[in-house]
């Protein structure tokens, strides 16, 4: 039960953080079926730049958020 609560809290946090991204970056996450923090952290530059209407600036936005989430994840440990 605790794992389920942790996952749902993590999911809410991810949704809140994704809402801060520009629309193109959010669309990339939707196209890549991102549903967890771990799946978001696994996105690569090739994944992003391989999609239509997504380029270097979109990748920079996603990468910035990945770094932030990794820092937060380390602090919780």
N, C-alpha and C. Protein backbone atom coordinates (compact mmCIF):
# COMPACT_ATOMS: atom_id res chain seq x y z
N UNK A 1 0.82 -1.19 0.00
CA UNK A 1 0.00 0.00 0.00
C UNK A 1 0.87 1.26 0.00
N UNK A 2 1.98 1.23 0.77
CA UNK A 2 2.85 2.40 0.81
C UNK A 2 3.47 2.68 -0.56
N UNK A 3 3.82 1.62 -1.27
CA UNK A 3 4.41 1.79 -2.59
C UNK A 3 3.40 2.45 -3.53
N UNK A 4 2.15 2.06 -3.43
CA UNK A 4 1.10 2.64 -4.26
C UNK A 4 0.93 4.12 -3.94
N UNK A 5 0.94 4.47 -2.67
CA UNK A 5 0.81 5.87 -2.27
C UNK A 5 2.00 6.68 -2.77
N UNK A 6 3.19 6.09 -2.66
CA UNK A 6 4.40 6.76 -3.12
C UNK A 6 4.33 7.00 -4.62
N UNK A 7 3.87 6.01 -5.37
CA UNK A 7 3.76 6.15 -6.82
C UNK A 7 2.75 7.21 -7.20
N UNK A 8 1.62 7.24 -6.51
CA UNK A 8 0.61 8.23 -6.87
C UNK A 8 1.08 9.64 -6.50
N UNK A 9 1.80 9.78 -5.40
CA UNK A 9 2.34 11.09 -5.03
C UNK A 9 3.41 11.50 -6.05
N UNK A 10 4.23 10.56 -6.44
CA UNK A 10 5.26 10.82 -7.45
C UNK A 10 4.62 11.23 -8.77
N UNK A 11 3.54 10.57 -9.11
CA UNK A 11 2.81 10.89 -10.36
C UNK A 11 2.24 12.31 -10.30
N UNK A 12 1.65 12.67 -9.18
CA UNK A 12 1.11 14.03 -9.03
C UNK A 12 2.22 15.06 -9.16
N UNK A 13 3.37 14.78 -8.56
CA UNK A 13 4.50 15.70 -8.66
C UNK A 13 4.97 15.83 -10.10
N UNK A 14 5.01 14.72 -10.81
CA UNK A 14 5.42 14.75 -12.22
C UNK A 14 4.45 15.56 -13.05
N UNK A 15 3.17 15.36 -12.83
CA UNK A 15 2.15 16.10 -13.57
C UNK A 15 2.29 17.60 -13.31
N UNK A 16 2.54 17.96 -12.06
CA UNK A 16 2.71 19.38 -11.72
C UNK A 16 3.94 19.96 -12.41
N UNK A 17 5.03 19.21 -12.44
CA UNK A 17 6.25 19.69 -13.08
C UNK A 17 6.08 19.77 -14.60
N UNK A 18 5.41 18.79 -15.18
CA UNK A 18 5.20 18.80 -16.63
C UNK A 18 4.34 19.99 -17.05
N UNK A 19 3.43 20.40 -16.18
CA UNK A 19 2.57 21.53 -16.49
C UNK A 19 3.37 22.82 -16.65
N UNK A 20 4.55 22.88 -16.06
CA UNK A 20 5.40 24.06 -16.15
C UNK A 20 6.19 24.12 -17.45
N UNK A 21 6.25 22.99 -18.16
CA UNK A 21 7.00 22.93 -19.41
C UNK A 21 6.24 23.64 -20.53
N UNK A 22 6.96 24.12 -21.53
CA UNK A 22 6.29 24.66 -22.72
C UNK A 22 5.46 23.57 -23.41
N UNK A 23 4.50 24.00 -24.18
CA UNK A 23 3.56 23.06 -24.80
C UNK A 23 4.26 22.02 -25.67
N UNK A 24 5.27 22.40 -26.41
CA UNK A 24 5.95 21.40 -27.27
C UNK A 24 6.60 20.31 -26.43
N UNK A 25 7.19 20.68 -25.32
CA UNK A 25 7.81 19.68 -24.45
C UNK A 25 6.76 18.77 -23.83
N UNK A 26 5.61 19.33 -23.46
CA UNK A 26 4.53 18.51 -22.91
C UNK A 26 4.00 17.54 -23.96
N UNK A 27 3.90 18.01 -25.20
CA UNK A 27 3.44 17.13 -26.27
C UNK A 27 4.42 16.00 -26.53
N UNK A 28 5.71 16.29 -26.44
CA UNK A 28 6.72 15.24 -26.59
C UNK A 28 6.52 14.18 -25.52
N UNK A 29 6.31 14.60 -24.29
CA UNK A 29 6.10 13.65 -23.19
C UNK A 29 4.86 12.81 -23.44
N UNK A 30 3.83 13.43 -23.97
CA UNK A 30 2.60 12.69 -24.27
C UNK A 30 2.86 11.67 -25.38
N UNK A 31 3.58 12.09 -26.43
CA UNK A 31 3.87 11.18 -27.55
C UNK A 31 4.75 10.02 -27.12
N UNK A 32 5.61 10.25 -26.13
CA UNK A 32 6.50 9.19 -25.65
C UNK A 32 5.87 8.38 -24.51
N UNK A 33 4.60 8.65 -24.22
CA UNK A 33 3.85 7.93 -23.18
C UNK A 33 4.52 7.98 -21.82
N UNK A 34 4.96 9.15 -21.43
CA UNK A 34 5.59 9.34 -20.13
C UNK A 34 4.50 9.32 -19.06
N UNK A 35 4.63 8.41 -18.10
CA UNK A 35 3.63 8.32 -17.03
C UNK A 35 4.25 8.27 -15.65
N UNK A 36 5.56 8.08 -15.58
CA UNK A 36 6.24 8.05 -14.29
C UNK A 36 7.50 8.90 -14.36
N UNK A 37 8.03 9.21 -13.20
CA UNK A 37 9.27 9.98 -13.15
C UNK A 37 10.39 9.19 -13.82
N UNK A 38 10.43 7.90 -13.56
CA UNK A 38 11.48 7.07 -14.16
C UNK A 38 11.41 7.07 -15.68
N UNK A 39 10.20 6.99 -16.22
CA UNK A 39 10.09 7.02 -17.68
C UNK A 39 10.46 8.40 -18.22
N UNK A 40 10.18 9.45 -17.47
CA UNK A 40 10.57 10.79 -17.89
C UNK A 40 12.10 10.93 -17.87
N UNK A 41 12.73 10.36 -16.86
CA UNK A 41 14.19 10.47 -16.74
C UNK A 41 14.91 9.66 -17.82
N UNK A 42 14.24 8.72 -18.43
CA UNK A 42 14.86 7.88 -19.47
C UNK A 42 14.79 8.51 -20.87
N UNK A 43 14.09 9.63 -21.01
CA UNK A 43 13.99 10.28 -22.32
C UNK A 43 15.37 10.76 -22.73
N UNK A 44 15.72 10.51 -23.99
CA UNK A 44 17.02 10.92 -24.51
C UNK A 44 16.85 12.01 -25.56
N UNK A 45 17.96 12.62 -25.90
CA UNK A 45 17.95 13.65 -26.93
C UNK A 45 17.48 13.07 -28.26
N UNK A 46 17.90 11.87 -28.58
CA UNK A 46 17.48 11.23 -29.83
C UNK A 46 15.97 10.99 -29.85
N UNK A 47 15.40 10.61 -28.69
CA UNK A 47 13.95 10.43 -28.61
C UNK A 47 13.23 11.72 -28.96
N UNK A 48 13.69 12.81 -28.37
CA UNK A 48 13.03 14.11 -28.55
C UNK A 48 13.23 14.64 -29.96
N UNK A 49 14.45 14.68 -30.42
CA UNK A 49 14.74 15.27 -31.72
C UNK A 49 14.22 14.43 -32.88
N UNK A 50 13.86 13.20 -32.62
CA UNK A 50 13.30 12.34 -33.65
C UNK A 50 11.82 12.58 -33.90
N UNK A 51 11.20 13.38 -33.05
CA UNK A 51 9.78 13.66 -33.20
C UNK A 51 9.54 14.94 -33.99
N UNK A 52 8.44 14.99 -34.67
CA UNK A 52 8.07 16.16 -35.45
C UNK A 52 7.81 17.34 -34.51
N UNK A 53 8.24 18.52 -34.91
CA UNK A 53 8.04 19.77 -34.16
C UNK A 53 8.77 19.79 -32.81
N UNK A 54 9.78 18.99 -32.67
CA UNK A 54 10.58 19.00 -31.44
C UNK A 54 12.05 19.08 -31.85
N UNK A 55 12.75 19.97 -31.21
CA UNK A 55 14.15 20.14 -31.57
C UNK A 55 15.01 20.41 -30.36
N UNK A 56 16.07 21.12 -30.58
CA UNK A 56 17.06 21.37 -29.55
C UNK A 56 16.49 22.13 -28.36
N UNK A 57 15.67 23.13 -28.61
CA UNK A 57 15.11 23.93 -27.51
C UNK A 57 14.16 23.09 -26.65
N UNK A 58 13.38 22.24 -27.30
CA UNK A 58 12.50 21.33 -26.56
C UNK A 58 13.33 20.38 -25.70
N UNK A 59 14.41 19.86 -26.27
CA UNK A 59 15.29 18.97 -25.53
C UNK A 59 15.89 19.70 -24.32
N UNK A 60 16.30 20.95 -24.50
CA UNK A 60 16.88 21.72 -23.38
C UNK A 60 15.87 21.87 -22.25
N UNK A 61 14.62 22.13 -22.59
CA UNK A 61 13.57 22.26 -21.57
C UNK A 61 13.38 20.95 -20.80
N UNK A 62 13.34 19.85 -21.53
CA UNK A 62 13.17 18.54 -20.89
C UNK A 62 14.39 18.20 -20.05
N UNK A 63 15.57 18.43 -20.59
CA UNK A 63 16.81 18.10 -19.87
C UNK A 63 16.92 18.89 -18.57
N UNK A 64 16.52 20.16 -18.61
CA UNK A 64 16.55 21.00 -17.41
C UNK A 64 15.66 20.40 -16.31
N UNK A 65 14.46 19.96 -16.70
CA UNK A 65 13.55 19.36 -15.73
C UNK A 65 14.06 18.00 -15.26
N UNK A 66 14.70 17.24 -16.14
CA UNK A 66 15.28 15.96 -15.73
C UNK A 66 16.33 16.18 -14.63
N UNK A 67 17.18 17.18 -14.82
CA UNK A 67 18.22 17.46 -13.82
C UNK A 67 17.59 17.85 -12.49
N UNK A 68 16.55 18.66 -12.54
CA UNK A 68 15.86 19.09 -11.32
C UNK A 68 15.26 17.89 -10.59
N UNK A 69 14.60 17.01 -11.34
CA UNK A 69 13.97 15.84 -10.72
C UNK A 69 15.00 14.87 -10.16
N UNK A 70 16.15 14.74 -10.82
CA UNK A 70 17.21 13.87 -10.31
C UNK A 70 17.75 14.40 -8.99
N UNK A 71 17.92 15.73 -8.91
CA UNK A 71 18.38 16.34 -7.65
C UNK A 71 17.38 16.09 -6.54
N UNK A 72 16.10 16.26 -6.82
CA UNK A 72 15.06 16.04 -5.83
C UNK A 72 15.04 14.58 -5.38
N UNK A 73 15.22 13.68 -6.32
CA UNK A 73 15.22 12.25 -6.01
C UNK A 73 16.38 11.89 -5.08
N UNK A 74 17.56 12.49 -5.34
CA UNK A 74 18.73 12.22 -4.49
C UNK A 74 18.52 12.77 -3.09
N UNK A 75 17.88 13.93 -2.96
CA UNK A 75 17.66 14.54 -1.67
C UNK A 75 16.72 13.71 -0.80
N UNK A 76 15.79 13.00 -1.41
CA UNK A 76 14.85 12.18 -0.66
C UNK A 76 15.49 10.94 -0.06
N UNK A 77 16.59 10.50 -0.63
CA UNK A 77 17.25 9.27 -0.15
C UNK A 77 17.89 9.44 1.17
